[in-house]
Amino acid sequence: MRFSLIIAAALLAACQPVPKPFSHGSAPPGELLQLADGRGITVLPVTDRAGEPLKLLTTQMVQALHQQNIPATYGDSGQTSYLLLGHFSTPPAPPALIWILRTQQGDEVGTIVQPLQNARGEPSKLAEHNAFERSATALAALIQDDPPSEAVPPPLHVGEVAGAPGDGNSRLRAAIEQLLPRAGLILVPEAAADSLVVTGAVTIDPARGGEQIVEIAWTVWDPYGIEVGTIAQARPVPAGSLDANWGLIANEAALAGAVGIAEMIRQIDWSLGIQPPPG
């Protein structure tokens, strides 16, 4: 099975309620999702790698946006506020459907990564309802009336990843650095007073019955050392399989971590920037 994932904490006083990625929680109240100009999103036809249109995927997204109380149409209409483009990730990146939201003027509003593997690491159905519901919810957060996204989230610096045997620390750090920008976040090479820091901590339990549980905690910190939130992941692996080479496991874990971090950060109101702790 793939890494299960939850958001363990979100401690900024200014943050909104933080959803658990990949859960089946109820949609936010409809009044939060109204667009200021009353228009909506045109979902451009999704195509496969050969350029053939995949109408089912496009209509599934339109329906998911409707369920989030967002006006959405299929095709190439120019009468909406936003254009939504979907394309498939390029190997060796983990399989995913990448949604890019743009204004009619071509400015990018945000990117949503929709993984194309289920909880067991097997290919999921492309038109799986829950996957589109999660993507539509994340898109809704980008275009709320008076949304947190009006203020660009702070950039992130990827700090230390520790605790993994073999090449795990370096592979996990390289993978999360590659995938966070694909989730629509900005990275900086050094930590600064106006940036957040992401660290990773890996724990592997003793072997039982030929298996071990590997746990990864991705924690986001503000410049004052206060924890913003933690993405906790866990999965069983064959005993000793990660002692030397992590391989694709690192990419899989980092993809789930990047999606969770992006969803968490986008729920926080950054309009006042990063605030120092009280007192």
Protein backbone atom coordinates (compact mmCIF):
# COMPACT_ATOMS: atom_id res chain seq x y z
CA MET A 1 0.00 0.00 0.00
CA ARG A 2 1.05 3.59 -0.49
CA PHE A 3 1.77 6.02 2.28
CA SER A 4 -1.31 6.97 4.23
CA LEU A 5 -1.29 10.66 5.06
CA ILE A 6 -2.87 12.99 7.63
CA ILE A 7 -2.33 16.55 8.74
CA ALA A 8 -1.29 16.22 12.36
CA ALA A 9 -1.26 19.87 13.48
CA ALA A 10 -1.73 23.47 12.37
CA LEU A 11 -0.79 25.95 15.04
CA LEU A 12 -0.93 29.41 13.46
CA ALA A 13 -3.67 31.44 15.10
CA ALA A 14 -4.58 33.03 11.77
CA CYS A 15 -5.17 29.78 9.92
CA GLN A 16 -8.48 28.50 8.64
CA PRO A 17 -9.71 24.95 9.49
CA VAL A 18 -7.26 22.60 7.79
CA PRO A 19 -8.63 19.64 5.81
CA LYS A 20 -7.15 16.14 5.85
CA PRO A 21 -5.92 15.39 2.33
CA PHE A 22 -7.66 12.45 0.68
CA SER A 23 -10.42 12.29 3.30
CA HIS A 24 -14.13 12.41 2.53
CA GLY A 25 -14.92 15.49 4.59
CA SER A 26 -17.90 17.64 3.74
CA ALA A 27 -17.52 20.57 1.35
CA PRO A 28 -17.01 24.08 2.74
CA PRO A 29 -20.12 26.29 2.99
CA GLY A 30 -21.30 27.37 -0.43
CA GLU A 31 -21.15 31.07 0.36
CA LEU A 32 -17.37 30.83 0.72
CA LEU A 33 -17.01 29.67 -2.86
CA GLN A 34 -18.85 32.40 -4.75
CA LEU A 35 -16.79 34.29 -7.30
CA ALA A 36 -16.73 38.05 -7.00
CA ASP A 37 -17.73 38.61 -10.64
CA GLY A 38 -20.29 35.79 -10.77
CA ARG A 39 -18.59 34.05 -13.69
CA GLY A 40 -16.53 30.89 -13.24
CA ILE A 41 -14.14 28.37 -14.79
CA THR A 42 -13.86 26.98 -18.30
CA VAL A 43 -12.32 23.50 -18.17
CA LEU A 44 -10.33 23.00 -21.36
CA PRO A 45 -10.38 19.50 -22.87
CA VAL A 46 -7.91 17.14 -21.22
CA THR A 47 -5.91 15.14 -23.77
CA ASP A 48 -3.81 12.02 -23.54
CA ARG A 49 -0.12 12.03 -24.44
CA ALA A 50 -1.05 11.40 -28.08
CA GLY A 51 -3.24 14.52 -28.14
CA GLU A 52 -6.56 12.67 -28.12
CA PRO A 53 -9.29 14.39 -26.06
CA LEU A 54 -10.45 12.62 -22.91
CA LYS A 55 -13.93 14.08 -22.53
CA LEU A 56 -14.85 11.99 -19.50
CA LEU A 57 -12.04 13.51 -17.40
CA THR A 58 -13.04 17.01 -18.42
CA THR A 59 -16.73 16.55 -17.67
CA GLN A 60 -15.87 14.86 -14.37
CA MET A 61 -13.98 17.98 -13.29
CA VAL A 62 -16.83 20.24 -14.41
CA GLN A 63 -19.24 18.21 -12.29
CA ALA A 64 -16.89 18.27 -9.29
CA LEU A 65 -16.62 22.07 -9.56
CA HIS A 66 -20.41 22.35 -9.68
CA GLN A 67 -20.58 20.38 -6.43
CA GLN A 68 -18.29 23.02 -4.91
CA ASN A 69 -20.77 25.73 -6.00
CA ILE A 70 -18.42 27.02 -8.70
CA PRO A 71 -19.86 27.92 -12.13
CA ALA A 72 -17.96 25.76 -14.63
CA THR A 73 -18.28 24.94 -18.32
CA TYR A 74 -16.67 22.50 -20.74
CA GLY A 75 -14.86 23.67 -23.86
CA ASP A 76 -13.29 26.90 -25.00
CA SER A 77 -15.75 29.58 -23.89
CA GLY A 78 -14.25 32.99 -23.26
CA GLN A 79 -17.08 34.10 -20.98
CA THR A 80 -15.55 32.94 -17.72
CA SER A 81 -12.99 34.38 -15.31
CA TYR A 82 -10.62 31.42 -15.35
CA LEU A 83 -9.28 28.66 -17.59
CA LEU A 84 -8.41 25.24 -16.19
CA LEU A 85 -5.90 23.11 -18.09
CA GLY A 86 -5.23 19.47 -17.24
CA HIS A 87 -2.27 17.37 -18.36
CA PHE A 88 -0.51 14.20 -17.26
CA SER A 89 2.79 14.21 -15.40
CA THR A 90 5.91 13.21 -17.31
CA PRO A 91 7.96 10.18 -16.18
CA PRO A 92 9.97 9.64 -14.04
CA ALA A 93 7.64 11.77 -11.90
CA PRO A 94 4.93 9.73 -10.15
CA PRO A 95 1.77 9.38 -12.26
CA ALA A 96 -0.53 12.33 -11.69
CA LEU A 97 -3.03 14.59 -13.40
CA ILE A 98 -1.78 18.18 -13.12
CA TRP A 99 -4.42 20.94 -13.09
CA ILE A 100 -3.23 24.48 -13.83
CA LEU A 101 -5.64 27.36 -13.19
CA ARG A 102 -5.07 30.55 -15.17
CA THR A 103 -6.85 33.84 -15.68
CA GLN A 104 -8.17 34.74 -19.12
CA GLN A 105 -5.03 36.92 -19.44
CA GLY A 106 -2.81 33.86 -18.98
CA ASP A 107 -1.62 34.55 -15.42
CA GLU A 108 -1.23 31.38 -13.36
CA VAL A 109 -3.41 31.28 -10.25
CA GLY A 110 -2.27 27.92 -8.91
CA THR A 111 -1.51 24.26 -9.61
CA ILE A 112 -3.22 21.19 -8.16
CA VAL A 113 -1.59 17.73 -8.33
CA GLN A 114 -4.10 14.84 -8.54
CA PRO A 115 -2.25 11.52 -7.93
CA LEU A 116 -3.17 8.63 -10.20
CA GLN A 117 -2.46 5.83 -7.75
CA ASN A 118 -4.74 4.45 -5.07
CA ALA A 119 -3.87 3.73 -1.44
CA ARG A 120 -2.30 0.39 -2.41
CA GLY A 121 0.03 1.95 -4.96
CA GLU A 122 -2.04 0.59 -7.84
CA PRO A 123 -3.32 2.67 -10.79
CA SER A 124 -6.57 4.37 -9.84
CA LYS A 125 -9.54 4.86 -12.10
CA LEU A 126 -8.98 8.09 -14.02
CA ALA A 127 -12.54 9.24 -13.37
CA GLU A 128 -12.57 8.31 -9.68
CA HIS A 129 -15.07 10.65 -8.06
CA ASN A 130 -13.26 11.27 -4.77
CA ALA A 131 -10.05 12.30 -6.53
CA PHE A 132 -11.88 14.96 -8.56
CA GLU A 133 -13.76 16.10 -5.46
CA ARG A 134 -10.46 16.74 -3.67
CA SER A 135 -9.00 18.60 -6.64
CA ALA A 136 -12.15 20.72 -7.02
CA THR A 137 -12.07 21.58 -3.32
CA ALA A 138 -8.46 22.74 -3.63
CA LEU A 139 -9.31 24.77 -6.74
CA ALA A 140 -12.22 26.36 -4.90
CA ALA A 141 -9.83 27.55 -2.19
CA LEU A 142 -7.81 29.39 -4.87
CA ILE A 143 -10.74 31.48 -6.11
CA GLN A 144 -12.87 32.20 -3.07
CA ASP A 145 -14.29 35.66 -2.66
CA ASP A 146 -11.66 37.38 -0.49
CA PRO A 147 -9.53 34.20 -0.48
CA PRO A 148 -6.26 33.65 1.38
CA SER A 149 -4.65 33.19 -2.03
CA GLU A 150 -4.90 36.96 -2.60
CA ALA A 151 -1.75 37.04 -0.47
CA VAL A 152 0.90 34.77 -1.95
CA PRO A 153 1.97 32.11 0.58
CA PRO A 154 5.51 32.57 1.87
CA PRO A 155 8.25 30.72 0.01
CA LEU A 156 9.60 27.53 1.50
CA HIS A 157 13.10 26.29 2.15
CA VAL A 158 13.61 22.53 2.43
CA GLY A 159 15.81 21.89 5.44
CA GLU A 160 17.14 18.70 6.96
CA VAL A 161 15.64 15.28 6.35
CA ALA A 162 16.93 12.87 8.98
CA GLY A 163 16.47 9.39 10.40
CA ALA A 164 16.32 7.33 7.19
CA PRO A 165 18.77 4.49 6.56
CA GLY A 166 20.70 4.11 3.31
CA ASP A 167 20.20 6.92 0.79
CA GLY A 168 16.75 7.80 2.17
CA ASN A 169 17.55 11.23 3.61
CA SER A 170 19.10 12.57 0.40
CA ARG A 171 16.50 10.99 -1.89
CA LEU A 172 13.56 12.26 0.16
CA ARG A 173 15.01 15.77 0.32
CA ALA A 174 15.67 15.86 -3.43
CA ALA A 175 12.19 14.54 -4.21
CA ILE A 176 10.31 17.00 -1.98
CA GLU A 177 12.34 19.88 -3.47
CA GLN A 178 11.27 18.75 -6.95
CA LEU A 179 7.60 18.19 -6.14
CA LEU A 180 6.72 21.19 -3.95
CA PRO A 181 6.98 23.61 -6.93
CA ARG A 182 4.78 21.25 -8.95
CA ALA A 183 2.19 21.66 -6.20
CA GLY A 184 2.26 25.44 -6.80
CA LEU A 185 4.63 26.51 -4.02
CA ILE A 186 7.76 28.66 -4.29
CA LEU A 187 11.11 27.39 -3.00
CA VAL A 188 14.13 29.40 -1.89
CA PRO A 189 17.69 28.03 -1.52
CA GLU A 190 18.21 29.48 1.97
CA ALA A 191 15.94 30.06 4.97
CA ALA A 192 15.04 33.73 5.51
CA ALA A 193 12.95 35.95 7.76
CA ASP A 194 10.07 35.83 5.29
CA SER A 195 10.15 32.12 4.45
CA LEU A 196 8.92 28.86 5.93
CA VAL A 197 11.08 25.79 6.44
CA VAL A 198 10.13 22.18 5.70
CA THR A 199 11.94 19.40 7.55
CA GLY A 200 11.53 15.65 7.42
CA ALA A 201 11.89 13.05 10.15
CA VAL A 202 11.91 9.33 9.35
CA THR A 203 11.29 6.51 11.81
CA ILE A 204 11.38 2.79 10.97
CA ASP A 205 9.97 0.34 13.50
CA PRO A 206 11.65 -3.00 14.29
CA ALA A 207 10.72 -5.82 11.95
CA ARG A 208 7.64 -7.89 12.78
CA GLY A 209 6.46 -10.78 10.70
CA GLY A 210 8.80 -9.85 7.86
CA GLU A 211 7.57 -6.24 7.71
CA GLN A 212 8.54 -2.87 9.12
CA ILE A 213 6.47 0.30 9.45
CA VAL A 214 8.16 3.37 8.01
CA GLU A 215 6.85 6.70 9.25
CA ILE A 216 7.68 10.10 7.76
CA ALA A 217 6.75 13.42 9.35
CA TRP A 218 7.03 16.51 7.11
CA THR A 219 6.93 19.54 9.41
CA VAL A 220 6.55 23.17 8.32
CA TRP A 221 8.10 25.82 10.59
CA ASP A 222 7.87 29.59 10.56
CA PRO A 223 11.03 31.76 10.91
CA TYR A 224 10.46 31.98 14.67
CA GLY A 225 10.69 28.23 15.12
CA ILE A 226 6.95 27.78 15.65
CA GLU A 227 5.39 24.72 14.03
CA VAL A 228 2.85 25.59 11.33
CA GLY A 229 1.75 22.00 10.75
CA THR A 230 2.87 18.42 10.20
CA ILE A 231 2.06 15.94 7.47
CA ALA A 232 2.37 12.44 8.93
CA GLN A 233 2.77 9.39 6.67
CA ALA A 234 3.11 5.68 7.35
CA ARG A 235 3.25 2.40 5.42
CA PRO A 236 4.51 -1.15 5.86
CA VAL A 237 7.50 -2.31 3.83
CA PRO A 238 9.34 -5.64 3.64
CA ALA A 239 11.87 -5.85 6.45
CA GLY A 240 15.25 -4.45 5.40
CA SER A 241 14.04 -3.26 1.99
CA LEU A 242 15.01 0.36 2.72
CA ASP A 243 18.35 -0.33 4.38
CA ALA A 244 20.26 0.81 1.28
CA ASN A 245 18.22 2.09 -1.67
CA TRP A 246 14.90 3.94 -1.34
CA GLY A 247 14.26 4.20 -5.08
CA LEU A 248 10.71 5.15 -6.06
CA ILE A 249 9.52 4.94 -2.45
CA ALA A 250 11.13 8.36 -1.88
CA ASN A 251 9.22 9.91 -4.81
CA GLU A 252 5.97 8.34 -3.68
CA ALA A 253 6.33 9.65 -0.13
CA ALA A 254 7.42 13.10 -1.30
CA LEU A 255 4.46 13.39 -3.71
CA ALA A 256 1.94 12.69 -0.97
CA GLY A 257 3.84 15.02 1.37
CA ALA A 258 3.99 17.86 -1.17
CA VAL A 259 0.24 17.63 -1.89
CA GLY A 260 -0.55 17.70 1.82
CA ILE A 261 1.81 20.60 2.54
CA ALA A 262 0.36 22.64 -0.33
CA GLU A 263 -3.24 22.06 0.79
CA MET A 264 -2.37 22.96 4.37
CA ILE A 265 -0.51 26.16 3.49
CA ARG A 266 -3.28 27.34 1.16
CA GLN A 267 -5.78 27.21 4.03
CA ILE A 268 -3.82 29.84 6.00
CA ASP A 269 -4.52 33.56 5.68
CA TRP A 270 -1.16 35.08 4.74
CA SER A 271 -2.57 38.58 4.06
CA LEU A 272 -0.59 40.01 7.01
CA GLY A 273 2.54 38.02 6.21
CA ILE A 274 4.32 35.90 8.80
CA GLN A 275 3.49 37.26 12.23
CA PRO A 276 5.88 37.08 15.22
CA PRO A 277 4.68 35.11 18.24
CA PRO A 278 2.73 37.14 20.84
CA GLY A 279 4.72 38.64 23.69
